[in-house]
Amino acid sequence: LRLEGVTLYAVTDGSRTQAQQTLAQAGLSAQFHGILSTVEQGCPITSTVLYEKAARHMGTAPKVTAVFTTRPNLLPQLQESGFFTVFIGNPCAQQPAADLIISDYRSMSTSSLD
């Protein structure tokens, strides 16, 4: 995640405080420019509104904005909105296709995203 000049936003269905604590415990707080919470924004996690808002804050178009998720039910909406989707977890036959599938966050590297 330490890519020079890359802005990251977290989207959570929990509270901002909970997300801040989780990022801090993982040592990732400094990597994220902001957190968008469904609790504060008043929309469900399955809505693309927060992801579109994050892209606007980052100044990127959806097609060059990667959205990482562990929620397979979110993939179709994100793809319909033009986002590059990364599913974290084990692929299964019933799951909609993601642009990229990784087993967990630890398997990420700049070479695996090329």
C-alpha atoms as a PDB file:
ATOM      1  CA  LEU A   1       0.000   0.000   0.000  1.00  0.00           C
ATOM      2  CA  ARG A   2       2.965   2.318   0.218  1.00  0.00           C
ATOM      3  CA  LEU A   3       2.812   3.637  -3.308  1.00  0.00           C
ATOM      4  CA  GLU A   4       4.188   7.112  -3.810  1.00  0.00           C
ATOM      5  CA  GLY A   5       1.499   9.640  -4.656  1.00  0.00           C
ATOM      6  CA  VAL A   6      -1.463   7.258  -4.295  1.00  0.00           C
ATOM      7  CA  THR A   7      -4.378   8.583  -2.283  1.00  0.00           C
ATOM      8  CA  LEU A   8      -6.440   6.023  -0.384  1.00  0.00           C
ATOM      9  CA  TYR A   9      -9.903   6.312   1.120  1.00  0.00           C
ATOM     10  CA  ALA A  10     -11.627   3.783   3.334  1.00  0.00           C
ATOM     11  CA  VAL A  11     -15.354   3.113   2.989  1.00  0.00           C
ATOM     12  CA  THR A  12     -16.942   1.411   5.971  1.00  0.00           C
ATOM     13  CA  ASP A  13     -20.360   0.306   7.143  1.00  0.00           C
ATOM     14  CA  GLY A  14     -19.223   0.940  10.710  1.00  0.00           C
ATOM     15  CA  SER A  15     -18.421   4.167  12.477  1.00  0.00           C
ATOM     16  CA  ARG A  16     -15.541   6.427  11.485  1.00  0.00           C
ATOM     17  CA  THR A  17     -14.053   5.913  14.968  1.00  0.00           C
ATOM     18  CA  GLN A  18     -14.147   2.138  14.594  1.00  0.00           C
ATOM     19  CA  ALA A  19     -12.484   2.365  11.168  1.00  0.00           C
ATOM     20  CA  GLN A  20      -9.797   4.712  12.521  1.00  0.00           C
ATOM     21  CA  GLN A  21      -9.052   2.261  15.336  1.00  0.00           C
ATOM     22  CA  THR A  22      -8.893  -0.686  12.934  1.00  0.00           C
ATOM     23  CA  LEU A  23      -6.531   1.157  10.588  1.00  0.00           C
ATOM     24  CA  ALA A  24      -4.365   2.268  13.520  1.00  0.00           C
ATOM     25  CA  GLN A  25      -4.121  -1.287  14.877  1.00  0.00           C
ATOM     26  CA  ALA A  26      -3.013  -2.462  11.435  1.00  0.00           C
ATOM     27  CA  GLY A  27      -0.468   0.361  11.183  1.00  0.00           C
ATOM     28  CA  LEU A  28      -2.257   1.829   8.168  1.00  0.00           C
ATOM     29  CA  SER A  29      -3.627   5.145   9.460  1.00  0.00           C
ATOM     30  CA  ALA A  30      -1.033   7.240   7.692  1.00  0.00           C
ATOM     31  CA  GLN A  31      -1.831   5.601   4.351  1.00  0.00           C
ATOM     32  CA  PHE A  32      -5.450   6.759   4.229  1.00  0.00           C
ATOM     33  CA  HIS A  33      -6.447  10.298   3.342  1.00  0.00           C
ATOM     34  CA  GLY A  34     -10.000   9.876   4.570  1.00  0.00           C
ATOM     35  CA  ILE A  35     -12.764   7.591   5.773  1.00  0.00           C
ATOM     36  CA  LEU A  36     -16.323   7.577   4.487  1.00  0.00           C
ATOM     37  CA  SER A  37     -18.833   5.922   6.795  1.00  0.00           C
ATOM     38  CA  THR A  38     -22.277   4.682   5.810  1.00  0.00           C
ATOM     39  CA  VAL A  39     -23.418   5.661   9.298  1.00  0.00           C
ATOM     40  CA  GLU A  40     -22.480   9.308   8.704  1.00  0.00           C
ATOM     41  CA  GLN A  41     -23.449   9.429   5.028  1.00  0.00           C
ATOM     42  CA  GLY A  42     -26.815   7.690   5.454  1.00  0.00           C
ATOM     43  CA  CYS A  43     -26.527   5.172   2.638  1.00  0.00           C
ATOM     44  CA  PRO A  44     -25.937   1.409   2.566  1.00  0.00           C
ATOM     45  CA  ILE A  45     -22.526  -0.133   1.904  1.00  0.00           C
ATOM     46  CA  THR A  46     -23.956  -1.749  -1.233  1.00  0.00           C
ATOM     47  CA  SER A  47     -24.668   1.656  -2.770  1.00  0.00           C
ATOM     48  CA  THR A  48     -21.961   3.064  -5.031  1.00  0.00           C
ATOM     49  CA  VAL A  49     -22.551   6.598  -3.695  1.00  0.00           C
ATOM     50  CA  LEU A  50     -19.691   6.426  -1.185  1.00  0.00           C
ATOM     51  CA  TYR A  51     -17.266   4.921  -3.682  1.00  0.00           C
ATOM     52  CA  GLU A  52     -18.124   7.619  -6.215  1.00  0.00           C
ATOM     53  CA  LYS A  53     -17.620  10.248  -3.504  1.00  0.00           C
ATOM     54  CA  ALA A  54     -14.231   8.753  -2.597  1.00  0.00           C
ATOM     55  CA  ALA A  55     -13.191   8.830  -6.265  1.00  0.00           C
ATOM     56  CA  ARG A  56     -14.173  12.509  -6.463  1.00  0.00           C
ATOM     57  CA  HIS A  57     -12.130  13.275  -3.331  1.00  0.00           C
ATOM     58  CA  MET A  58      -9.158  11.458  -4.866  1.00  0.00           C
ATOM     59  CA  GLY A  59      -9.631  13.173  -8.214  1.00  0.00           C
ATOM     60  CA  THR A  60      -9.840   9.899 -10.129  1.00  0.00           C
ATOM     61  CA  ALA A  61     -12.311   8.495 -12.621  1.00  0.00           C
ATOM     62  CA  PRO A  62     -14.025   5.249 -11.614  1.00  0.00           C
ATOM     63  CA  LYS A  63     -12.209   3.233 -14.306  1.00  0.00           C
ATOM     64  CA  VAL A  64      -8.840   4.076 -12.694  1.00  0.00           C
ATOM     65  CA  THR A  65     -10.120   3.748  -9.124  1.00  0.00           C
ATOM     66  CA  ALA A  66      -9.570   0.321  -7.571  1.00  0.00           C
ATOM     67  CA  VAL A  67     -12.149  -0.741  -5.006  1.00  0.00           C
ATOM     68  CA  PHE A  68     -11.054  -3.546  -2.697  1.00  0.00           C
ATOM     69  CA  THR A  69     -13.865  -5.533  -1.095  1.00  0.00           C
ATOM     70  CA  THR A  70     -14.573  -8.765   0.740  1.00  0.00           C
ATOM     71  CA  ARG A  71     -18.250  -8.488  -0.259  1.00  0.00           C
ATOM     72  CA  PRO A  72     -19.016 -10.413  -3.456  1.00  0.00           C
ATOM     73  CA  ASN A  73     -22.541  -8.931  -3.553  1.00  0.00           C
ATOM     74  CA  LEU A  74     -20.995  -5.481  -4.079  1.00  0.00           C
ATOM     75  CA  LEU A  75     -19.030  -6.402  -7.216  1.00  0.00           C
ATOM     76  CA  PRO A  76     -21.847  -6.059  -9.799  1.00  0.00           C
ATOM     77  CA  GLN A  77     -22.816  -2.535  -8.681  1.00  0.00           C
ATOM     78  CA  LEU A  78     -19.200  -1.382  -8.632  1.00  0.00           C
ATOM     79  CA  GLN A  79     -18.515  -2.811 -12.069  1.00  0.00           C
ATOM     80  CA  GLU A  80     -21.689  -1.261 -13.507  1.00  0.00           C
ATOM     81  CA  SER A  81     -20.421   2.097 -12.221  1.00  0.00           C
ATOM     82  CA  GLY A  82     -17.106   1.511 -13.995  1.00  0.00           C
ATOM     83  CA  PHE A  83     -14.831   0.819 -10.995  1.00  0.00           C
ATOM     84  CA  PHE A  84     -11.893  -1.562 -11.170  1.00  0.00           C
ATOM     85  CA  THR A  85     -12.849  -4.252  -8.647  1.00  0.00           C
ATOM     86  CA  VAL A  86     -10.535  -6.287  -6.447  1.00  0.00           C
ATOM     87  CA  PHE A  87     -12.121  -9.118  -4.479  1.00  0.00           C
ATOM     88  CA  ILE A  88     -10.263 -10.218  -1.344  1.00  0.00           C
ATOM     89  CA  GLY A  89     -10.996 -13.836  -0.510  1.00  0.00           C
ATOM     90  CA  ASN A  90     -11.327 -17.226  -2.103  1.00  0.00           C
ATOM     91  CA  PRO A  91     -13.161 -17.282  -5.417  1.00  0.00           C
ATOM     92  CA  CYS A  92     -16.251 -19.459  -5.692  1.00  0.00           C
ATOM     93  CA  ALA A  93     -18.407 -20.511  -8.613  1.00  0.00           C
ATOM     94  CA  GLN A  94     -21.457 -18.450  -7.559  1.00  0.00           C
ATOM     95  CA  GLN A  95     -19.467 -15.266  -7.074  1.00  0.00           C
ATOM     96  CA  PRO A  96     -19.620 -12.536  -9.719  1.00  0.00           C
ATOM     97  CA  ALA A  97     -16.310 -11.979 -11.478  1.00  0.00           C
ATOM     98  CA  ALA A  98     -13.970  -9.311 -10.177  1.00  0.00           C
ATOM     99  CA  ASP A  99     -11.264  -7.599 -12.216  1.00  0.00           C
ATOM    100  CA  LEU A 100      -8.704  -9.052  -9.819  1.00  0.00           C
ATOM    101  CA  ILE A 101      -8.959 -11.622  -7.009  1.00  0.00           C
ATOM    102  CA  ILE A 102      -6.426 -11.836  -4.189  1.00  0.00           C
ATOM    103  CA  SER A 103      -6.535 -14.192  -1.227  1.00  0.00           C
ATOM    104  CA  ASP A 104      -5.836 -11.492   1.366  1.00  0.00           C
ATOM    105  CA  TYR A 105      -4.331  -8.038   1.731  1.00  0.00           C
ATOM    106  CA  ARG A 106      -0.902  -9.512   2.481  1.00  0.00           C
ATOM    107  CA  SER A 107      -0.722 -10.957  -1.030  1.00  0.00           C
ATOM    108  CA  MET A 108      -0.766  -7.476  -2.526  1.00  0.00           C
ATOM    109  CA  SER A 109       2.363  -6.058  -4.096  1.00  0.00           C
ATOM    110  CA  THR A 110       2.962  -3.571  -6.860  1.00  0.00           C
ATOM    111  CA  SER A 111       4.026  -6.433  -9.130  1.00  0.00           C
ATOM    112  CA  SER A 112       0.748  -8.325  -8.588  1.00  0.00           C
ATOM    113  CA  LEU A 113      -1.254  -5.266  -9.638  1.00  0.00           C
ATOM    114  CA  ASP A 114       0.592  -4.767 -12.949  1.00  0.00           C
END
